[in-house]
Amino acid sequence: MKQYRAPLLLAFAMIGIALLSVFEYVPEEVAQYSPFLLLALFPHAWLRSERSCNLLKRKAA
């Protein structure tokens, strides 16, 4: 079974920052780069896990 908790939390964090920016609690410049920052800080939320098939390592699934 796939894990959906981490990607959903990442998406909710991005939406939350966007909403805070709309109501001017977060500066526009911060909100503009925050999705990239969140993706860089939490790569396990959007990258493949070790158990999936990896084409670069040529291992069987």
C-alpha atoms as a PDB file:
ATOM      1  CA  MET A   1       0.000   0.000   0.000  1.00  0.00           C
ATOM      2  CA  LYS A   2       1.300   3.418  -0.924  1.00  0.00           C
ATOM      3  CA  GLN A   3       1.933   6.110   1.644  1.00  0.00           C
ATOM      4  CA  TYR A   4      -0.090   9.240   0.952  1.00  0.00           C
ATOM      5  CA  ARG A   5       0.490  11.121   4.195  1.00  0.00           C
ATOM      6  CA  ALA A   6       3.780  12.846   3.321  1.00  0.00           C
ATOM      7  CA  PRO A   7       2.751  14.086  -0.160  1.00  0.00           C
ATOM      8  CA  LEU A   8      -0.579  15.334   1.180  1.00  0.00           C
ATOM      9  CA  LEU A   9       1.116  17.211   4.021  1.00  0.00           C
ATOM     10  CA  LEU A  10       3.515  18.756   1.502  1.00  0.00           C
ATOM     11  CA  ALA A  11       0.615  19.844  -0.711  1.00  0.00           C
ATOM     12  CA  PHE A  12      -1.315  21.269   2.251  1.00  0.00           C
ATOM     13  CA  ALA A  13       1.776  23.194   3.359  1.00  0.00           C
ATOM     14  CA  MET A  14       2.114  24.712  -0.117  1.00  0.00           C
ATOM     15  CA  ILE A  15      -1.570  25.650  -0.227  1.00  0.00           C
ATOM     16  CA  GLY A  16      -1.372  27.065   3.290  1.00  0.00           C
ATOM     17  CA  ILE A  17       1.565  29.290   2.423  1.00  0.00           C
ATOM     18  CA  ALA A  18      -0.259  30.476  -0.696  1.00  0.00           C
ATOM     19  CA  LEU A  19      -3.350  31.356   1.345  1.00  0.00           C
ATOM     20  CA  LEU A  20      -1.265  33.160   3.937  1.00  0.00           C
ATOM     21  CA  SER A  21       0.302  35.145   1.127  1.00  0.00           C
ATOM     22  CA  VAL A  22      -3.110  36.112  -0.276  1.00  0.00           C
ATOM     23  CA  PHE A  23      -4.093  37.550   3.102  1.00  0.00           C
ATOM     24  CA  GLU A  24      -0.643  39.200   3.390  1.00  0.00           C
ATOM     25  CA  TYR A  25       0.589  37.306   6.446  1.00  0.00           C
ATOM     26  CA  VAL A  26       3.527  36.004   4.408  1.00  0.00           C
ATOM     27  CA  PRO A  27       5.448  38.292   2.038  1.00  0.00           C
ATOM     28  CA  GLU A  28       4.956  37.618  -1.665  1.00  0.00           C
ATOM     29  CA  GLU A  29       8.674  36.943  -2.224  1.00  0.00           C
ATOM     30  CA  VAL A  30       8.692  34.245   0.447  1.00  0.00           C
ATOM     31  CA  ALA A  31       5.548  32.615  -0.904  1.00  0.00           C
ATOM     32  CA  GLN A  32       6.937  32.652  -4.426  1.00  0.00           C
ATOM     33  CA  TYR A  33       9.919  30.459  -3.532  1.00  0.00           C
ATOM     34  CA  SER A  34       8.390  28.402  -0.735  1.00  0.00           C
ATOM     35  CA  PRO A  35       7.233  25.457  -2.942  1.00  0.00           C
ATOM     36  CA  PHE A  36      10.798  24.916  -4.139  1.00  0.00           C
ATOM     37  CA  LEU A  37      12.107  25.237  -0.604  1.00  0.00           C
ATOM     38  CA  LEU A  38       9.584  22.702   0.687  1.00  0.00           C
ATOM     39  CA  LEU A  39      10.483  20.264  -2.098  1.00  0.00           C
ATOM     40  CA  ALA A  40      14.175  20.654  -1.271  1.00  0.00           C
ATOM     41  CA  LEU A  41      13.639  20.222   2.474  1.00  0.00           C
ATOM     42  CA  PHE A  42      11.345  17.184   2.183  1.00  0.00           C
ATOM     43  CA  PRO A  43      12.474  15.138  -0.846  1.00  0.00           C
ATOM     44  CA  HIS A  44      11.148  11.873   0.604  1.00  0.00           C
ATOM     45  CA  ALA A  45       7.626  13.224   0.152  1.00  0.00           C
ATOM     46  CA  TRP A  46       7.858  13.357  -3.621  1.00  0.00           C
ATOM     47  CA  LEU A  47      10.752  11.092  -4.610  1.00  0.00           C
ATOM     48  CA  ARG A  48      10.520   7.346  -4.974  1.00  0.00           C
ATOM     49  CA  SER A  49      11.155   5.090  -2.034  1.00  0.00           C
ATOM     50  CA  GLU A  50      13.922   2.498  -1.859  1.00  0.00           C
ATOM     51  CA  ARG A  51      11.450  -0.334  -2.437  1.00  0.00           C
ATOM     52  CA  SER A  52      10.337   0.848  -5.871  1.00  0.00           C
ATOM     53  CA  CYS A  53      12.033  -0.060  -9.125  1.00  0.00           C
ATOM     54  CA  ASN A  54      14.990   2.203  -9.841  1.00  0.00           C
ATOM     55  CA  LEU A  55      16.122   2.347 -13.457  1.00  0.00           C
ATOM     56  CA  LEU A  56      19.565   3.737 -12.641  1.00  0.00           C
ATOM     57  CA  LYS A  57      20.572   0.907 -10.301  1.00  0.00           C
ATOM     58  CA  ARG A  58      19.154  -1.812 -12.624  1.00  0.00           C
ATOM     59  CA  LYS A  59      17.667  -3.802  -9.736  1.00  0.00           C
ATOM     60  CA  ALA A  60      14.583  -5.934 -10.041  1.00  0.00           C
ATOM     61  CA  ALA A  61      11.450  -4.743  -8.311  1.00  0.00           C
END
